[in-house]
Amino acid sequence: MDYLKFLRRNWLFLLAGFLLTFTSSYGQTYFISLFAGAIKGDFGLSDGQWGGIYTIGTTLSALTMVWAGVLTDRFRVRVLAFGVMVALAGACLAMAAVPNWVALIFVIYALRLTGQGMMSQLGQVAMVRWFEASRGKALSLSSMGFAAGQAFLPIVFVALFASFHWRSLWVLAAVLVLLTIPVILMLLRQERTPQSMAEQAQRAGMQGRHWTRKEMFGSSLFWLMIPFAVGPAAWGTALFFHQVHLVEMKGWELVEFVALMPIYTLSAVACTFLSGWAIDRFGVSRVVPVQMVPFGVAFVVLSYADTLWMAGIGLVIFGAGQGMQSTAPAAFWAEYYGTRHVGSIKAVAAALMVFGSAIGPGITGLFIDLGVTFPQQMLPIALYYFAAAALAGWAIHRYKPTLPT
């Protein structure tokens, strides 16, 4: 009921956040990886070479995000979204026309920067800044854009493979981005700070301060939370990036594996709302320490899965972690470091996320070329998640007492 009341009162802003996160799909790994087989075939690339290209392009976008993400502190969402979405449409058209593997590096860079990087940053920073008392609810509702994109776009575009060349589908993606622009501009034509936040001062972080990015770098909490920030992007990206390889190793059909995405999405949606409620009710400090555990369990299940039914169970558990990932990190940075400079601080977090999504496919692709299949790599990855969960829990326990009451 609280969610419905909140949605009715703030639907314009929440719909804008939903569309921003949904439009990030065209630069997300789960979308780009759908074309992996066609791209490797056209350019004669191995799994390791394709992963290396993806790593280079994504790493460059992560470095750029450190600067570009700060723009969300200086420009209104309406203004910045227009420019980013035009650039994203251009990147989609560039992918449709990419002539060789060298140019592919720069196209991947553009897609990852504008899609995964800036569109995600815009959607989450807008929610963190626009809403204070109901930040968890706002993040969970706007994050439905991530879930909707991951649930429906792979199914639609895989189905279209039967009738259209893969390059034509990137033209379609560009058209869809351009069609979304006027809707965003209409929703935010009177962009303002919602009443729920206008009546309150900005929320200070640890020690009652609004931390700058430079001050955050001097905080040991930031360095302790790096595995928490990098892990889900690194290995979650690798999972979807190598889905073609994964189904080949397991003896499944890609279309059957992709058909499991809706149940993964349902799990992610349910846990997104649950974690949003938990953040508002108990605080983000209770959610962060357990966020990594479902990821680790999911990789254990998927490692041993020998049927699509078991794969479905693994994806449901993975979706639970992804649901918490949609809300907890953005709320964490705002709660512990304050909201005044949240754009520049979140830009660093976004850069870490993008960097993680760069190294994950590269590292796992290299091991695949060395003869270690991705299913064989899943157990060490699970151990990483469990270790990161323990480290995040210890860091939260140490620094939580410094938060303002």
Foldseek 3Di string as FASTA:
>chain_A
DVLVVVCVQCVLLLVLLLLLLLLLLQLALLQVLLCVVVVCVVAVHALLRVLQLLLLLLLVLLVVLLVVLLVPLVDPLLVVVLVLLLQLLVLLLCQLVPDHSVVVSNSSNSSNNSRLRPSLSSSLLSLPQQADLLSLSSLLSSNVSNLVNLQPVSLVVVVCVVPDPPSVVSNVSSVVSVVCSVVSCVSCVPPDRDPNPVVDDFFAAFLRHQAAQVVVVVDVLNVLLLLVLQQCLQAVSQCSSCVVLLCVVLVHDSSLLSNLSVLLSVLLSVLLNVLSVCCSVPNLLVVSLCLLLLVLVLLVQSLPDNDSVSNSVSSSSVSNSNSNVSRNPLRVCCHHNISSSSSSNVSNSSSSSSSSNSVNSNVQSVVVVVPQGPSNVSNVSSVSSNVSSVSNNVSSVVRVVRGDD
